């Protein structure tokens, strides 16, 4: 009888031992996805009980990260449900708080991030950028611990595989998540959950039993801070360069205006000089012509009078001549 019990124990534990999963270790799961993707429902399906409040539409009822645990298929499973962490309406401060909270709730760290995507609705820009979002907030290594989980597949008119083939964006996300994907069937949930846990065990085995650690998260946050500082420095330098360019343009413009003003002044002085010279020439010419005309008629004594008197009519008369000078 004793040997029979040992044999049954070995027979029951063999699949888990062959997968390299110690029986004493729990499986820790963090659910990620936008609001309405079905994260809370997924957590309930995995644990086999209504552990998380779920919504009937696309309004989130999960306002903060929440952890629940239970025994599933003889194994302790911990699930952390999160609000729509990459929803655009969440502020940066709240986002950071929730990210830190979901990491702390899964300490010493999650074995897998389940990226929950709803299959019966339109694929959005938010979901296209989810892997990038995860890598930025949890580090690039987080892709090793990430699996795509499709929900509401029972609403599809075709197979999940065919749907994936029709959407290159979905296929690209799956390729970036090194944990592959799983389609969770809410009707055949028990079978589907077992298949999901088997895939998670495979991910753990592939990662040599490791999980995503708080150290990885801190390194990711440090890189984010460095990147933000680099961007701020670039923006600062860009603004300084722009201000410098504006000042240089203003100086150049003032210089051009001064040069133009100087040029106009020189032209004005030149014109005035030419006018003055013309005036002298015309006046002299008028005097000479007056002297010649009146002096010639009045004799030698009338020369002086003729010169003086002849300046005015001679100047007026000579103006007509000087315009050609």
C-alpha atoms as a PDB file:
ATOM      1  CA  UNK A   1       0.000   0.000   0.000  1.00  0.00           C
ATOM      2  CA  UNK A   2       2.842   2.357   0.897  1.00  0.00           C
ATOM      3  CA  UNK A   3       4.529   1.749  -2.452  1.00  0.00           C
ATOM      4  CA  UNK A   4       1.236   2.316  -4.244  1.00  0.00           C
ATOM      5  CA  UNK A   5       0.812   5.740  -2.586  1.00  0.00           C
ATOM      6  CA  UNK A   6       4.385   6.716  -3.532  1.00  0.00           C
ATOM      7  CA  UNK A   7       3.744   5.600  -7.097  1.00  0.00           C
ATOM      8  CA  UNK A   8       0.544   7.675  -7.310  1.00  0.00           C
ATOM      9  CA  UNK A   9       2.366  10.705  -5.874  1.00  0.00           C
ATOM     10  CA  UNK A  10       5.146  10.408  -8.441  1.00  0.00           C
ATOM     11  CA  UNK A  11       2.633   9.878 -11.224  1.00  0.00           C
ATOM     12  CA  UNK A  12       0.749  13.049 -10.217  1.00  0.00           C
ATOM     13  CA  UNK A  13       3.876  15.203  -9.814  1.00  0.00           C
ATOM     14  CA  UNK A  14       5.780  13.926 -12.867  1.00  0.00           C
ATOM     15  CA  UNK A  15       4.327  16.437 -15.379  1.00  0.00           C
ATOM     16  CA  UNK A  16       5.212  19.366 -13.097  1.00  0.00           C
ATOM     17  CA  UNK A  17       8.681  18.024 -12.280  1.00  0.00           C
ATOM     18  CA  UNK A  18       9.418  17.400 -15.946  1.00  0.00           C
ATOM     19  CA  UNK A  19       8.509  21.019 -16.639  1.00  0.00           C
ATOM     20  CA  UNK A  20      11.024  22.165 -14.024  1.00  0.00           C
ATOM     21  CA  UNK A  21       8.382  23.822 -11.808  1.00  0.00           C
ATOM     22  CA  UNK A  22       8.898  23.269  -8.058  1.00  0.00           C
ATOM     23  CA  UNK A  23       5.617  22.367  -6.370  1.00  0.00           C
ATOM     24  CA  UNK A  24       6.217  24.834  -3.553  1.00  0.00           C
ATOM     25  CA  UNK A  25       6.398  27.847  -5.861  1.00  0.00           C
ATOM     26  CA  UNK A  26       3.257  29.772  -6.702  1.00  0.00           C
ATOM     27  CA  UNK A  27       2.514  31.154 -10.125  1.00  0.00           C
ATOM     28  CA  UNK A  28       2.206  34.950 -10.091  1.00  0.00           C
ATOM     29  CA  UNK A  29       0.314  36.624 -12.914  1.00  0.00           C
ATOM     30  CA  UNK A  30      -0.136  40.336 -13.685  1.00  0.00           C
ATOM     31  CA  UNK A  31      -2.990  41.269 -16.015  1.00  0.00           C
ATOM     32  CA  UNK A  32      -2.340  44.208 -18.362  1.00  0.00           C
ATOM     33  CA  UNK A  33      -4.600  45.717 -20.983  1.00  0.00           C
ATOM     34  CA  UNK A  34      -6.820  48.641 -21.783  1.00  0.00           C
ATOM     35  CA  UNK A  35     -10.163  49.257 -20.102  1.00  0.00           C
ATOM     36  CA  UNK A  36     -12.843  46.851 -21.337  1.00  0.00           C
ATOM     37  CA  UNK A  37     -10.396  44.192 -22.552  1.00  0.00           C
ATOM     38  CA  UNK A  38     -11.673  41.715 -19.965  1.00  0.00           C
ATOM     39  CA  UNK A  39      -8.881  41.675 -17.376  1.00  0.00           C
ATOM     40  CA  UNK A  40     -11.129  41.251 -14.343  1.00  0.00           C
ATOM     41  CA  UNK A  41     -13.171  38.542 -16.065  1.00  0.00           C
ATOM     42  CA  UNK A  42      -9.941  36.794 -16.991  1.00  0.00           C
ATOM     43  CA  UNK A  43      -8.795  36.866 -13.369  1.00  0.00           C
ATOM     44  CA  UNK A  44     -12.118  35.366 -12.283  1.00  0.00           C
ATOM     45  CA  UNK A  45     -11.882  32.665 -14.941  1.00  0.00           C
ATOM     46  CA  UNK A  46      -8.339  31.724 -13.914  1.00  0.00           C
ATOM     47  CA  UNK A  47      -9.171  31.543 -10.199  1.00  0.00           C
ATOM     48  CA  UNK A  48     -12.527  29.905 -10.834  1.00  0.00           C
ATOM     49  CA  UNK A  49     -14.452  32.338  -8.652  1.00  0.00           C
ATOM     50  CA  UNK A  50     -15.720  35.967  -8.716  1.00  0.00           C
ATOM     51  CA  UNK A  51     -12.561  37.400  -7.155  1.00  0.00           C
ATOM     52  CA  UNK A  52     -12.586  40.672  -9.131  1.00  0.00           C
ATOM     53  CA  UNK A  53     -15.429  43.040  -9.928  1.00  0.00           C
ATOM     54  CA  UNK A  54     -16.117  43.031 -13.639  1.00  0.00           C
ATOM     55  CA  UNK A  55     -17.934  45.538 -15.817  1.00  0.00           C
ATOM     56  CA  UNK A  56     -20.552  44.812 -18.423  1.00  0.00           C
ATOM     57  CA  UNK A  57     -19.260  47.446 -20.827  1.00  0.00           C
ATOM     58  CA  UNK A  58     -16.171  49.562 -21.473  1.00  0.00           C
ATOM     59  CA  UNK A  59     -16.304  51.599 -18.244  1.00  0.00           C
ATOM     60  CA  UNK A  60     -13.594  50.464 -15.857  1.00  0.00           C
ATOM     61  CA  UNK A  61     -14.646  49.277 -12.400  1.00  0.00           C
ATOM     62  CA  UNK A  62     -11.017  48.553 -11.492  1.00  0.00           C
ATOM     63  CA  UNK A  63      -9.678  51.867 -10.248  1.00  0.00           C
ATOM     64  CA  UNK A  64      -6.537  50.502  -8.611  1.00  0.00           C
ATOM     65  CA  UNK A  65      -4.413  47.364  -8.777  1.00  0.00           C
ATOM     66  CA  UNK A  66      -5.819  44.453  -6.774  1.00  0.00           C
ATOM     67  CA  UNK A  67      -4.432  41.014  -5.868  1.00  0.00           C
ATOM     68  CA  UNK A  68      -6.265  37.725  -5.339  1.00  0.00           C
ATOM     69  CA  UNK A  69      -4.927  34.210  -4.842  1.00  0.00           C
ATOM     70  CA  UNK A  70      -6.316  30.727  -4.992  1.00  0.00           C
ATOM     71  CA  UNK A  71      -5.593  27.089  -5.745  1.00  0.00           C
ATOM     72  CA  UNK A  72      -5.962  26.094  -9.373  1.00  0.00           C
ATOM     73  CA  UNK A  73      -5.340  22.516 -10.512  1.00  0.00           C
ATOM     74  CA  UNK A  74      -3.509  21.800  -7.267  1.00  0.00           C
ATOM     75  CA  UNK A  75      -1.288  24.830  -7.648  1.00  0.00           C
ATOM     76  CA  UNK A  76      -1.297  28.193  -5.829  1.00  0.00           C
ATOM     77  CA  UNK A  77      -1.952  30.966  -8.315  1.00  0.00           C
ATOM     78  CA  UNK A  78      -1.793  34.715  -7.565  1.00  0.00           C
ATOM     79  CA  UNK A  79      -3.419  37.152  -9.997  1.00  0.00           C
ATOM     80  CA  UNK A  80      -2.933  40.932  -9.944  1.00  0.00           C
ATOM     81  CA  UNK A  81      -5.655  42.857 -11.754  1.00  0.00           C
ATOM     82  CA  UNK A  82      -4.813  46.392 -12.908  1.00  0.00           C
ATOM     83  CA  UNK A  83      -6.772  49.381 -14.214  1.00  0.00           C
ATOM     84  CA  UNK A  84      -6.278  50.417 -17.833  1.00  0.00           C
ATOM     85  CA  UNK A  85      -2.653  51.370 -17.281  1.00  0.00           C
ATOM     86  CA  UNK A  86      -2.011  52.670 -20.781  1.00  0.00           C
ATOM     87  CA  UNK A  87      -5.316  54.484 -21.181  1.00  0.00           C
ATOM     88  CA  UNK A  88      -4.569  58.036 -22.309  1.00  0.00           C
ATOM     89  CA  UNK A  89      -6.823  59.591 -19.658  1.00  0.00           C
ATOM     90  CA  UNK A  90      -4.593  58.365 -16.802  1.00  0.00           C
ATOM     91  CA  UNK A  91      -2.158  61.020 -15.627  1.00  0.00           C
ATOM     92  CA  UNK A  92       1.560  60.368 -15.480  1.00  0.00           C
ATOM     93  CA  UNK A  93       1.638  60.503 -11.673  1.00  0.00           C
ATOM     94  CA  UNK A  94      -1.235  58.010 -11.285  1.00  0.00           C
ATOM     95  CA  UNK A  95       0.304  55.777 -13.926  1.00  0.00           C
ATOM     96  CA  UNK A  96       3.587  55.576 -12.033  1.00  0.00           C
ATOM     97  CA  UNK A  97       1.770  54.835  -8.770  1.00  0.00           C
ATOM     98  CA  UNK A  98      -0.226  51.976 -10.328  1.00  0.00           C
ATOM     99  CA  UNK A  99       2.793  50.475 -12.066  1.00  0.00           C
ATOM    100  CA  UNK A 100       4.727  50.418  -8.801  1.00  0.00           C
ATOM    101  CA  UNK A 101       1.712  49.010  -6.984  1.00  0.00           C
ATOM    102  CA  UNK A 102       1.136  46.142  -9.409  1.00  0.00           C
ATOM    103  CA  UNK A 103       4.852  45.242  -9.162  1.00  0.00           C
ATOM    104  CA  UNK A 104       4.782  45.356  -5.354  1.00  0.00           C
ATOM    105  CA  UNK A 105       1.595  43.281  -5.186  1.00  0.00           C
ATOM    106  CA  UNK A 106       3.296  40.532  -7.168  1.00  0.00           C
ATOM    107  CA  UNK A 107       6.530  40.511  -5.143  1.00  0.00           C
ATOM    108  CA  UNK A 108       9.000  38.912  -5.354  1.00  0.00           C
ATOM    109  CA  UNK A 109       7.865  39.312  -8.978  1.00  0.00           C
ATOM    110  CA  UNK A 110       5.425  38.019 -11.607  1.00  0.00           C
ATOM    111  CA  UNK A 111       6.195  34.949 -13.670  1.00  0.00           C
ATOM    112  CA  UNK A 112       4.129  36.307 -16.523  1.00  0.00           C
ATOM    113  CA  UNK A 113       2.452  39.473 -17.744  1.00  0.00           C
ATOM    114  CA  UNK A 114      -0.770  38.590 -19.540  1.00  0.00           C
ATOM    115  CA  UNK A 115      -1.476  41.249 -22.148  1.00  0.00           C
ATOM    116  CA  UNK A 116      -5.266  40.987 -22.443  1.00  0.00           C
ATOM    117  CA  UNK A 117      -6.719  41.919 -25.852  1.00  0.00           C
ATOM    118  CA  UNK A 118     -10.384  41.697 -26.728  1.00  0.00           C
ATOM    119  CA  UNK A 119     -10.889  39.985 -30.085  1.00  0.00           C
ATOM    120  CA  UNK A 120     -14.475  40.954 -30.887  1.00  0.00           C
ATOM    121  CA  UNK A 121     -13.841  44.717 -31.156  1.00  0.00           C
ATOM    122  CA  UNK A 122     -11.721  46.953 -33.351  1.00  0.00           C
ATOM    123  CA  UNK A 123      -7.982  46.847 -32.762  1.00  0.00           C
ATOM    124  CA  UNK A 124      -6.860  50.291 -31.524  1.00  0.00           C
ATOM    125  CA  UNK A 125      -3.742  52.437 -31.664  1.00  0.00           C
ATOM    126  CA  UNK A 126      -3.325  51.940 -27.903  1.00  0.00           C
ATOM    127  CA  UNK A 127      -3.034  48.207 -28.407  1.00  0.00           C
ATOM    128  CA  UNK A 128      -0.579  48.641 -31.290  1.00  0.00           C
ATOM    129  CA  UNK A 129       1.757  50.411 -28.888  1.00  0.00           C
ATOM    130  CA  UNK A 130       1.248  48.105 -25.896  1.00  0.00           C
ATOM    131  CA  UNK A 131       4.470  46.131 -26.250  1.00  0.00           C
ATOM    132  CA  UNK A 132       6.453  49.354 -26.572  1.00  0.00           C
ATOM    133  CA  UNK A 133       4.605  50.656 -23.511  1.00  0.00           C
ATOM    134  CA  UNK A 134       5.493  47.515 -21.532  1.00  0.00           C
ATOM    135  CA  UNK A 135       9.133  47.672 -22.600  1.00  0.00           C
ATOM    136  CA  UNK A 136       9.387  51.357 -21.658  1.00  0.00           C
ATOM    137  CA  UNK A 137       7.758  50.904 -18.240  1.00  0.00           C
ATOM    138  CA  UNK A 138       8.946  47.412 -17.327  1.00  0.00           C
ATOM    139  CA  UNK A 139      12.185  47.132 -19.399  1.00  0.00           C
ATOM    140  CA  UNK A 140      12.859  45.340 -22.677  1.00  0.00           C
ATOM    141  CA  UNK A 141      13.475  42.097 -20.772  1.00  0.00           C
ATOM    142  CA  UNK A 142       9.798  42.137 -19.777  1.00  0.00           C
ATOM    143  CA  UNK A 143       9.010  40.744 -23.244  1.00  0.00           C
ATOM    144  CA  UNK A 144      10.495  37.441 -22.031  1.00  0.00           C
ATOM    145  CA  UNK A 145       7.738  37.283 -19.424  1.00  0.00           C
ATOM    146  CA  UNK A 146       4.847  38.532 -21.560  1.00  0.00           C
ATOM    147  CA  UNK A 147       2.083  36.509 -23.206  1.00  0.00           C
ATOM    148  CA  UNK A 148      -0.828  37.832 -25.276  1.00  0.00           C
ATOM    149  CA  UNK A 149      -4.197  36.635 -23.994  1.00  0.00           C
ATOM    150  CA  UNK A 150      -7.187  36.982 -26.325  1.00  0.00           C
ATOM    151  CA  UNK A 151     -10.644  37.223 -24.776  1.00  0.00           C
ATOM    152  CA  UNK A 152     -14.222  37.053 -26.127  1.00  0.00           C
ATOM    153  CA  UNK A 153     -13.123  34.601 -28.809  1.00  0.00           C
ATOM    154  CA  UNK A 154     -16.516  32.875 -28.610  1.00  0.00           C
ATOM    155  CA  UNK A 155     -17.937  35.980 -30.310  1.00  0.00           C
ATOM    156  CA  UNK A 156     -15.813  35.454 -33.443  1.00  0.00           C
ATOM    157  CA  UNK A 157     -17.272  34.104 -36.679  1.00  0.00           C
ATOM    158  CA  UNK A 158     -13.938  32.523 -37.583  1.00  0.00           C
ATOM    159  CA  UNK A 159     -11.003  30.872 -35.868  1.00  0.00           C
ATOM    160  CA  UNK A 160      -8.541  32.833 -33.775  1.00  0.00           C
ATOM    161  CA  UNK A 161      -5.715  31.793 -36.099  1.00  0.00           C
ATOM    162  CA  UNK A 162      -7.558  33.133 -39.140  1.00  0.00           C
ATOM    163  CA  UNK A 163      -8.317  36.390 -37.327  1.00  0.00           C
ATOM    164  CA  UNK A 164      -4.641  36.810 -36.417  1.00  0.00           C
ATOM    165  CA  UNK A 165      -3.601  36.172 -40.023  1.00  0.00           C
ATOM    166  CA  UNK A 166      -5.937  38.962 -41.154  1.00  0.00           C
ATOM    167  CA  UNK A 167      -4.406  41.508 -38.755  1.00  0.00           C
ATOM    168  CA  UNK A 168      -0.644  42.092 -39.214  1.00  0.00           C
ATOM    169  CA  UNK A 169      -0.624  44.439 -36.204  1.00  0.00           C
ATOM    170  CA  UNK A 170      -1.839  41.655 -33.905  1.00  0.00           C
ATOM    171  CA  UNK A 171       0.693  39.255 -35.383  1.00  0.00           C
ATOM    172  CA  UNK A 172       3.462  41.791 -34.785  1.00  0.00           C
ATOM    173  CA  UNK A 173       2.496  42.122 -31.107  1.00  0.00           C
ATOM    174  CA  UNK A 174       2.533  38.333 -30.698  1.00  0.00           C
ATOM    175  CA  UNK A 175       5.983  38.156 -32.287  1.00  0.00           C
ATOM    176  CA  UNK A 176       7.292  40.789 -29.865  1.00  0.00           C
ATOM    177  CA  UNK A 177       5.877  38.936 -26.849  1.00  0.00           C
ATOM    178  CA  UNK A 178       8.219  35.994 -26.410  1.00  0.00           C
ATOM    179  CA  UNK A 179       5.630  34.132 -24.369  1.00  0.00           C
ATOM    180  CA  UNK A 180       3.414  33.610 -27.423  1.00  0.00           C
ATOM    181  CA  UNK A 181      -0.359  33.826 -27.076  1.00  0.00           C
ATOM    182  CA  UNK A 182      -3.393  32.024 -25.719  1.00  0.00           C
ATOM    183  CA  UNK A 183      -7.099  32.336 -26.518  1.00  0.00           C
ATOM    184  CA  UNK A 184      -9.232  32.136 -23.395  1.00  0.00           C
ATOM    185  CA  UNK A 185     -12.597  30.526 -24.037  1.00  0.00           C
ATOM    186  CA  UNK A 186     -15.161  31.593 -21.435  1.00  0.00           C
ATOM    187  CA  UNK A 187     -17.509  28.718 -22.233  1.00  0.00           C
ATOM    188  CA  UNK A 188     -14.874  25.995 -22.145  1.00  0.00           C
ATOM    189  CA  UNK A 189     -13.048  27.846 -19.396  1.00  0.00           C
ATOM    190  CA  UNK A 190     -11.739  24.920 -17.374  1.00  0.00           C
ATOM    191  CA  UNK A 191      -9.959  23.363 -20.344  1.00  0.00           C
ATOM    192  CA  UNK A 192      -8.812  26.769 -21.516  1.00  0.00           C
ATOM    193  CA  UNK A 193      -7.403  27.700 -18.093  1.00  0.00           C
ATOM    194  CA  UNK A 194      -5.473  24.431 -17.872  1.00  0.00           C
ATOM    195  CA  UNK A 195      -3.963  25.095 -21.309  1.00  0.00           C
ATOM    196  CA  UNK A 196      -3.110  28.650 -20.216  1.00  0.00           C
ATOM    197  CA  UNK A 197      -1.323  27.463 -17.059  1.00  0.00           C
ATOM    198  CA  UNK A 198       0.567  24.849 -19.080  1.00  0.00           C
ATOM    199  CA  UNK A 199       1.808  27.626 -21.378  1.00  0.00           C
ATOM    200  CA  UNK A 200       2.789  29.731 -18.371  1.00  0.00           C
ATOM    201  CA  UNK A 201       4.764  26.782 -16.993  1.00  0.00           C
ATOM    202  CA  UNK A 202       6.534  26.609 -20.362  1.00  0.00           C
ATOM    203  CA  UNK A 203       7.422  30.318 -20.112  1.00  0.00           C
ATOM    204  CA  UNK A 204       8.803  29.792 -16.607  1.00  0.00           C
ATOM    205  CA  UNK A 205      10.842  26.829 -17.834  1.00  0.00           C
ATOM    206  CA  UNK A 206      12.145  28.878 -20.771  1.00  0.00           C
ATOM    207  CA  UNK A 207      13.207  31.593 -18.306  1.00  0.00           C
ATOM    208  CA  UNK A 208      14.994  28.984 -16.157  1.00  0.00           C
ATOM    209  CA  UNK A 209      12.471  29.382 -13.363  1.00  0.00           C
ATOM    210  CA  UNK A 210      13.146  33.106 -13.093  1.00  0.00           C
ATOM    211  CA  UNK A 211      10.522  35.796 -12.770  1.00  0.00           C
ATOM    212  CA  UNK A 212      10.372  39.500 -13.450  1.00  0.00           C
ATOM    213  CA  UNK A 213      12.103  41.155 -10.499  1.00  0.00           C
ATOM    214  CA  UNK A 214      11.822  44.476  -8.748  1.00  0.00           C
ATOM    215  CA  UNK A 215      15.445  45.119  -9.755  1.00  0.00           C
ATOM    216  CA  UNK A 216      14.460  44.888 -13.432  1.00  0.00           C
ATOM    217  CA  UNK A 217      11.671  47.342 -12.756  1.00  0.00           C
ATOM    218  CA  UNK A 218      13.990  49.785 -10.975  1.00  0.00           C
ATOM    219  CA  UNK A 219      16.470  49.559 -13.858  1.00  0.00           C
ATOM    220  CA  UNK A 220      13.651  50.285 -16.300  1.00  0.00           C
ATOM    221  CA  UNK A 221      12.543  53.282 -14.242  1.00  0.00           C
ATOM    222  CA  UNK A 222      16.114  54.563 -14.106  1.00  0.00           C
ATOM    223  CA  UNK A 223      16.387  54.292 -17.890  1.00  0.00           C
ATOM    224  CA  UNK A 224      13.094  56.146 -18.203  1.00  0.00           C
ATOM    225  CA  UNK A 225      14.396  58.922 -15.950  1.00  0.00           C
ATOM    226  CA  UNK A 226      17.597  59.137 -17.960  1.00  0.00           C
ATOM    227  CA  UNK A 227      15.611  59.238 -21.182  1.00  0.00           C
ATOM    228  CA  UNK A 228      13.347  61.972 -19.810  1.00  0.00           C
ATOM    229  CA  UNK A 229      16.382  63.968 -18.675  1.00  0.00           C
ATOM    230  CA  UNK A 230      17.995  63.487 -22.086  1.00  0.00           C
ATOM    231  CA  UNK A 231      14.839  64.710 -23.815  1.00  0.00           C
ATOM    232  CA  UNK A 232      14.601  67.700 -21.473  1.00  0.00           C
ATOM    233  CA  UNK A 233      18.248  68.519 -22.178  1.00  0.00           C
ATOM    234  CA  UNK A 234      17.643  68.208 -25.909  1.00  0.00           C
ATOM    235  CA  UNK A 235      14.603  70.474 -25.666  1.00  0.00           C
ATOM    236  CA  UNK A 236      16.597  72.955 -23.600  1.00  0.00           C
ATOM    237  CA  UNK A 237      19.457  72.955 -26.122  1.00  0.00           C
ATOM    238  CA  UNK A 238      16.992  73.216 -28.963  1.00  0.00           C
ATOM    239  CA  UNK A 239      15.315  76.215 -27.336  1.00  0.00           C
ATOM    240  CA  UNK A 240      18.670  77.846 -26.664  1.00  0.00           C
ATOM    241  CA  UNK A 241      19.696  77.265 -30.289  1.00  0.00           C
ATOM    242  CA  UNK A 242      16.383  78.698 -31.453  1.00  0.00           C
ATOM    243  CA  UNK A 243      16.752  81.749 -29.201  1.00  0.00           C
ATOM    244  CA  UNK A 244      20.323  82.181 -30.422  1.00  0.00           C
ATOM    245  CA  UNK A 245      19.179  81.946 -34.020  1.00  0.00           C
ATOM    246  CA  UNK A 246      16.433  84.508 -33.391  1.00  0.00           C
ATOM    247  CA  UNK A 247      18.914  86.911 -31.766  1.00  0.00           C
ATOM    248  CA  UNK A 248      21.350  86.389 -34.633  1.00  0.00           C
ATOM    249  CA  UNK A 249      18.580  87.040 -37.153  1.00  0.00           C
ATOM    250  CA  UNK A 250      17.623  90.216 -35.296  1.00  0.00           C
ATOM    251  CA  UNK A 251      21.243  91.390 -35.212  1.00  0.00           C
ATOM    252  CA  UNK A 252      21.610  90.618 -38.896  1.00  0.00           C
ATOM    253  CA  UNK A 253      18.395  92.458 -39.631  1.00  0.00           C
ATOM    254  CA  UNK A 254      19.527  95.495 -37.629  1.00  0.00           C
ATOM    255  CA  UNK A 255      22.882  95.428 -39.393  1.00  0.00           C
ATOM    256  CA  UNK A 256      21.181  95.313 -42.776  1.00  0.00           C
ATOM    257  CA  UNK A 257      18.895  98.177 -41.732  1.00  0.00           C
ATOM    258  CA  UNK A 258      21.880 100.251 -40.575  1.00  0.00           C
ATOM    259  CA  UNK A 259      23.742  99.511 -43.797  1.00  0.00           C
ATOM    260  CA  UNK A 260      20.659 100.450 -45.804  1.00  0.00           C
ATOM    261  CA  UNK A 261      20.245 103.639 -43.797  1.00  0.00           C
ATOM    262  CA  UNK A 262      23.928 104.469 -44.278  1.00  0.00           C
ATOM    263  CA  UNK A 263      23.643 103.786 -47.990  1.00  0.00           C
ATOM    264  CA  UNK A 264      20.569 106.005 -48.264  1.00  0.00           C
ATOM    265  CA  UNK A 265      22.348 108.726 -46.306  1.00  0.00           C
ATOM    266  CA  UNK A 266      25.384 108.516 -48.590  1.00  0.00           C
ATOM    267  CA  UNK A 267      23.144 108.666 -51.618  1.00  0.00           C
ATOM    268  CA  UNK A 268      21.349 111.651 -50.118  1.00  0.00           C
ATOM    269  CA  UNK A 269      24.625 113.425 -49.390  1.00  0.00           C
ATOM    270  CA  UNK A 270      25.820 112.623 -52.879  1.00  0.00           C
ATOM    271  CA  UNK A 271      22.609 113.971 -54.350  1.00  0.00           C
ATOM    272  CA  UNK A 272      22.822 117.098 -52.229  1.00  0.00           C
ATOM    273  CA  UNK A 273      26.443 117.570 -53.317  1.00  0.00           C
ATOM    274  CA  UNK A 274      25.454 117.168 -56.912  1.00  0.00           C
ATOM    275  CA  UNK A 275      22.592 119.654 -56.413  1.00  0.00           C
ATOM    276  CA  UNK A 276      24.936 122.110 -54.710  1.00  0.00           C
ATOM    277  CA  UNK A 277      27.494 121.763 -57.469  1.00  0.00           C
ATOM    278  CA  UNK A 278      24.816 122.199 -60.102  1.00  0.00           C
ATOM    279  CA  UNK A 279      23.493 125.236 -58.286  1.00  0.00           C
ATOM    280  CA  UNK A 280      26.975 126.813 -58.234  1.00  0.00           C
ATOM    281  CA  UNK A 281      27.538 126.013 -61.873  1.00  0.00           C
ATOM    282  CA  UNK A 282      24.135 127.354 -62.889  1.00  0.00           C
ATOM    283  CA  UNK A 283      24.511 130.491 -60.776  1.00  0.00           C
ATOM    284  CA  UNK A 284      27.988 131.150 -62.142  1.00  0.00           C
ATOM    285  CA  UNK A 285      26.775 130.542 -65.643  1.00  0.00           C
ATOM    286  CA  UNK A 286      23.859 132.948 -65.117  1.00  0.00           C
ATOM    287  CA  UNK A 287      26.203 135.620 -63.788  1.00  0.00           C
ATOM    288  CA  UNK A 288      28.516 135.225 -66.722  1.00  0.00           C
ATOM    289  CA  UNK A 289      25.660 135.308 -69.196  1.00  0.00           C
ATOM    290  CA  UNK A 290      24.145 138.364 -67.429  1.00  0.00           C
ATOM    291  CA  UNK A 291      27.513 140.054 -67.404  1.00  0.00           C
ATOM    292  CA  UNK A 292      28.000 139.310 -71.035  1.00  0.00           C
ATOM    293  CA  UNK A 293      24.547 140.409 -72.149  1.00  0.00           C
ATOM    294  CA  UNK A 294      23.969 143.497 -70.008  1.00  0.00           C
ATOM    295  CA  UNK A 295      27.639 144.482 -69.841  1.00  0.00           C
ATOM    296  CA  UNK A 296      27.872 144.249 -73.591  1.00  0.00           C
ATOM    297  CA  UNK A 297      24.911 146.632 -73.985  1.00  0.00           C
ATOM    298  CA  UNK A 298      25.841 149.052 -71.131  1.00  0.00           C
ATOM    299  CA  UNK A 299      29.521 149.292 -71.737  1.00  0.00           C
ATOM    300  CA  UNK A 300      32.375 148.684 -69.281  1.00  0.00           C
ATOM    301  CA  UNK A 301      30.724 150.609 -66.427  1.00  0.00           C
ATOM    302  CA  UNK A 302      27.676 148.474 -66.598  1.00  0.00           C
ATOM    303  CA  UNK A 303      29.652 145.228 -66.241  1.00  0.00           C
ATOM    304  CA  UNK A 304      29.340 145.044 -62.491  1.00  0.00           C
ATOM    305  CA  UNK A 305      25.682 145.961 -62.584  1.00  0.00           C
ATOM    306  CA  UNK A 306      25.098 143.504 -65.381  1.00  0.00           C
ATOM    307  CA  UNK A 307      26.795 140.712 -63.467  1.00  0.00           C
ATOM    308  CA  UNK A 308      24.670 141.325 -60.346  1.00  0.00           C
ATOM    309  CA  UNK A 309      21.460 141.857 -62.207  1.00  0.00           C
ATOM    310  CA  UNK A 310      22.207 139.047 -64.618  1.00  0.00           C
ATOM    311  CA  UNK A 311      22.580 136.455 -61.861  1.00  0.00           C
ATOM    312  CA  UNK A 312      18.817 136.051 -61.417  1.00  0.00           C
ATOM    313  CA  UNK A 313      17.616 135.954 -65.017  1.00  0.00           C
ATOM    314  CA  UNK A 314      20.832 134.282 -66.035  1.00  0.00           C
ATOM    315  CA  UNK A 315      20.348 131.617 -63.318  1.00  0.00           C
ATOM    316  CA  UNK A 316      16.732 131.011 -64.309  1.00  0.00           C
ATOM    317  CA  UNK A 317      17.685 130.824 -67.928  1.00  0.00           C
ATOM    318  CA  UNK A 318      20.695 128.647 -67.223  1.00  0.00           C
ATOM    319  CA  UNK A 319      18.589 126.172 -65.177  1.00  0.00           C
ATOM    320  CA  UNK A 320      17.180 124.974 -68.422  1.00  0.00           C
ATOM    321  CA  UNK A 321      20.664 124.402 -69.669  1.00  0.00           C
ATOM    322  CA  UNK A 322      21.984 122.837 -66.415  1.00  0.00           C
ATOM    323  CA  UNK A 323      19.427 120.071 -66.411  1.00  0.00           C
ATOM    324  CA  UNK A 324      21.484 118.590 -69.178  1.00  0.00           C
ATOM    325  CA  UNK A 325      24.701 118.859 -67.206  1.00  0.00           C
END
